[in-house]
Amino acid sequence: MILHQYKIVFGGSMGAGKSSAIQALSDIPVLTTEALNTDTAAHQKMQTTVGIDYGEITLEDGLQIGLYGTPGQDRFDFMWSVICKGAIGTIVLIDHSGPNSLKELDFYHQAFKEYTDNIVIAVTHIDAQTDRETTIYRDWIAKQDKAYPLYYIDAREKKDVLLLVESLISSIEVKLAKS
């Protein structure tokens, strides 16, 4: 591992694909802190992150970025501020197939906006919940005081996750150009 000038955090609901996103994008073997999921009421997946996930990517221009994944359960929220320290932004992933996806979006947005105003929102598992409209996320964003980029992605697809990273970096570049 190397120390990075740039760091991006992946936060959001349990089972939304934070670990999968980092696995899909990382140029190195991902360091994970997976443990047996004891909160099957929240999600049926077998394992869950209890510390951090860590990967690295080098973009075409040589820019190196550390990819940090947070645990999704709010009982680990004490770690979020430590993981977010020094990050250029956060990608918030939300599992559309969960029964409270909009409530979770609101919760994770509130939590992570404490650490950065550079946030990209990605909604996953749309194919698993086809009877719920995806417009609920655009409507939610319209009610916020910020215009967050919103994407519907498959967290296992490198091109989808790379789009999120590029969007986060572009947001910074736009802000710098305005100042």
Protein backbone atom coordinates (compact mmCIF):
# COMPACT_ATOMS: atom_id res chain seq x y z
CA MET A 1 0.00 0.00 0.00
CA ILE A 2 1.11 3.54 -0.65
CA LEU A 3 0.06 6.79 0.93
CA HIS A 4 -2.30 8.67 -1.34
CA GLN A 5 -2.77 12.31 -1.95
CA TYR A 6 -6.29 11.41 -3.08
CA LYS A 7 -8.83 9.29 -1.28
CA ILE A 8 -12.42 8.37 -2.16
CA VAL A 9 -14.84 6.82 0.31
CA PHE A 10 -17.61 4.39 -0.58
CA GLY A 11 -20.42 4.57 1.98
CA GLY A 12 -24.02 3.50 2.10
CA SER A 13 -26.42 0.77 3.00
CA MET A 14 -25.51 -2.81 3.80
CA GLY A 15 -25.59 -4.95 0.67
CA ALA A 16 -25.53 -1.99 -1.71
CA GLY A 17 -22.27 -3.08 -3.33
CA LYS A 18 -19.51 -1.05 -1.67
CA SER A 19 -17.14 -4.02 -1.45
CA SER A 20 -18.09 -5.17 -4.95
CA ALA A 21 -17.45 -1.69 -6.36
CA ILE A 22 -13.97 -1.53 -4.86
CA GLN A 23 -13.24 -5.09 -6.03
CA ALA A 24 -14.33 -4.18 -9.57
CA LEU A 25 -12.16 -1.07 -9.73
CA SER A 26 -9.01 -1.80 -7.74
CA ASP A 27 -5.68 -2.39 -9.47
CA ILE A 28 -4.41 -4.29 -6.42
CA PRO A 29 -5.87 -7.16 -4.39
CA VAL A 30 -8.43 -5.55 -2.09
CA LEU A 31 -7.87 -5.57 1.64
CA THR A 32 -11.17 -6.54 3.21
CA THR A 33 -12.50 -6.94 6.73
CA GLU A 34 -15.39 -9.26 5.99
CA ALA A 35 -17.02 -11.18 8.82
CA LEU A 36 -20.03 -13.45 9.14
CA ASN A 37 -23.21 -11.39 8.91
CA THR A 38 -25.04 -11.66 12.21
CA ASP A 39 -27.64 -9.05 11.22
CA THR A 40 -29.66 -11.15 8.78
CA ALA A 41 -32.76 -9.09 9.58
CA ALA A 42 -31.09 -6.15 7.82
CA HIS A 43 -29.73 -8.17 4.90
CA GLN A 44 -29.49 -11.84 3.95
CA LYS A 45 -25.92 -11.73 2.62
CA MET A 46 -23.51 -14.19 4.23
CA GLN A 47 -20.65 -11.79 4.96
CA THR A 48 -20.40 -8.07 5.67
CA THR A 49 -17.68 -5.47 6.11
CA VAL A 50 -16.91 -4.72 9.75
CA GLY A 51 -13.86 -2.47 9.33
CA ILE A 52 -12.79 -1.09 5.97
CA ASP A 53 -12.25 -2.27 2.44
CA TYR A 54 -9.18 -0.81 0.76
CA GLY A 55 -8.13 -0.78 -2.87
CA GLU A 56 -6.19 1.46 -5.23
CA ILE A 57 -6.64 2.68 -8.77
CA THR A 58 -4.33 4.58 -11.08
CA LEU A 59 -6.19 6.65 -13.65
CA GLU A 60 -4.97 7.16 -17.22
CA ASP A 61 -3.26 10.44 -16.30
CA GLY A 62 -1.26 8.69 -13.57
CA LEU A 63 -3.39 9.99 -10.72
CA GLN A 64 -3.44 7.45 -7.90
CA ILE A 65 -6.51 7.16 -5.71
CA GLY A 66 -7.13 5.15 -2.56
CA LEU A 67 -10.56 3.51 -2.44
CA TYR A 68 -11.98 3.12 1.06
CA GLY A 69 -15.18 1.24 1.82
CA THR A 70 -17.06 1.79 5.07
CA PRO A 71 -19.20 -0.73 6.90
CA GLY A 72 -22.87 -0.27 6.06
CA GLN A 73 -24.41 -0.88 9.46
CA ASP A 74 -24.98 2.27 11.48
CA ARG A 75 -23.58 0.58 14.60
CA PHE A 76 -20.16 1.14 12.96
CA ASP A 77 -20.79 4.84 12.34
CA PHE A 78 -18.05 5.77 14.83
CA MET A 79 -15.56 4.67 12.15
CA TRP A 80 -16.97 6.80 9.35
CA SER A 81 -15.35 10.07 10.44
CA VAL A 82 -11.93 8.39 10.65
CA ILE A 83 -12.30 6.78 7.23
CA CYS A 84 -13.58 10.02 5.65
CA LYS A 85 -10.78 12.20 6.99
CA GLY A 86 -8.87 13.65 4.04
CA ALA A 87 -11.19 12.23 1.37
CA ILE A 88 -11.92 14.23 -1.77
CA GLY A 89 -15.47 12.95 -1.67
CA THR A 90 -17.89 10.13 -0.95
CA ILE A 91 -19.82 7.81 -3.22
CA VAL A 92 -23.04 6.83 -1.44
CA LEU A 93 -24.43 3.51 -2.65
CA ILE A 94 -28.06 2.59 -1.98
CA ASP A 95 -29.66 -0.83 -2.48
CA HIS A 96 -32.86 -0.23 -4.46
CA SER A 97 -34.16 -3.70 -3.60
CA GLY A 98 -34.31 -2.91 0.12
CA PRO A 99 -37.69 -2.00 1.59
CA ASN A 100 -36.48 1.38 2.92
CA SER A 101 -34.11 2.56 0.20
CA LEU A 102 -35.24 6.19 0.27
CA LYS A 103 -35.03 6.32 4.06
CA GLU A 104 -31.53 4.83 3.83
CA LEU A 105 -30.52 7.40 1.23
CA ASP A 106 -31.63 10.16 3.57
CA PHE A 107 -29.77 8.57 6.50
CA TYR A 108 -26.46 8.05 4.66
CA HIS A 109 -26.66 11.44 2.99
CA GLN A 110 -27.09 13.10 6.38
CA ALA A 111 -24.21 11.08 7.83
CA PHE A 112 -21.68 11.64 5.06
CA LYS A 113 -22.46 15.27 4.28
CA GLU A 114 -20.93 15.97 7.71
CA TYR A 115 -17.55 15.05 6.17
CA THR A 116 -17.80 16.37 2.61
CA ASP A 117 -20.10 18.24 0.28
CA ASN A 118 -18.68 16.35 -2.70
CA ILE A 119 -21.09 13.42 -2.92
CA VAL A 120 -22.15 11.16 -5.78
CA ILE A 121 -25.18 8.91 -5.32
CA ALA A 122 -25.35 5.48 -6.93
CA VAL A 123 -28.40 3.21 -6.79
CA THR A 124 -27.82 -0.53 -7.19
CA HIS A 125 -29.93 -3.69 -7.54
CA ILE A 126 -32.53 -1.98 -9.72
CA ASP A 127 -33.09 -5.25 -11.55
CA ALA A 128 -34.11 -6.92 -8.27
CA GLN A 129 -36.93 -4.46 -7.58
CA THR A 130 -38.63 -3.67 -10.86
CA ASP A 131 -42.00 -2.64 -9.44
CA ARG A 132 -40.60 0.44 -7.63
CA GLU A 133 -39.99 3.57 -9.68
CA THR A 134 -36.45 4.92 -9.78
CA THR A 135 -37.76 8.47 -10.05
CA ILE A 136 -38.04 8.54 -6.25
CA TYR A 137 -34.30 9.25 -6.10
CA ARG A 138 -34.45 12.15 -8.55
CA ASP A 139 -37.39 13.56 -6.62
CA TRP A 140 -35.43 13.21 -3.37
CA ILE A 141 -32.41 15.01 -4.86
CA ALA A 142 -34.65 17.81 -6.16
CA LYS A 143 -35.67 18.50 -2.55
CA GLN A 144 -32.06 18.87 -1.35
CA ASP A 145 -30.08 22.09 -1.38
CA LYS A 146 -27.40 20.46 -3.57
CA ALA A 147 -27.48 18.95 -7.03
CA TYR A 148 -25.83 15.57 -6.48
CA PRO A 149 -24.92 13.42 -9.47
CA LEU A 150 -27.17 10.34 -9.53
CA TYR A 151 -26.40 7.05 -11.27
CA TYR A 152 -28.07 3.66 -11.52
CA ILE A 153 -25.27 1.10 -11.65
CA ASP A 154 -24.16 -2.49 -11.32
CA ALA A 155 -21.43 -2.29 -8.65
CA ARG A 156 -19.71 -5.36 -10.13
CA GLU A 157 -19.08 -3.57 -13.43
CA LYS A 158 -15.79 -1.67 -13.58
CA LYS A 159 -17.06 0.82 -16.16
CA ASP A 160 -20.03 1.72 -13.95
CA VAL A 161 -17.88 2.29 -10.86
CA LEU A 162 -15.26 4.21 -12.84
CA LEU A 163 -18.03 6.56 -13.98
CA LEU A 164 -18.76 7.35 -10.32
CA VAL A 165 -15.11 8.12 -9.58
CA GLU A 166 -14.82 10.31 -12.69
CA SER A 167 -18.00 12.16 -11.70
CA LEU A 168 -16.63 12.83 -8.22
CA ILE A 169 -13.35 14.15 -9.65
CA SER A 170 -15.21 16.27 -12.23
CA SER A 171 -17.27 17.84 -9.44
CA ILE A 172 -14.05 18.96 -7.76
CA GLU A 173 -12.67 20.35 -11.00
CA VAL A 174 -15.86 22.35 -11.59
CA LYS A 175 -15.72 23.78 -8.06
CA LEU A 176 -12.06 24.75 -8.50
CA ALA A 177 -12.78 26.41 -11.85
CA LYS A 178 -15.50 28.54 -10.24
CA SER A 179 -13.24 29.77 -7.44
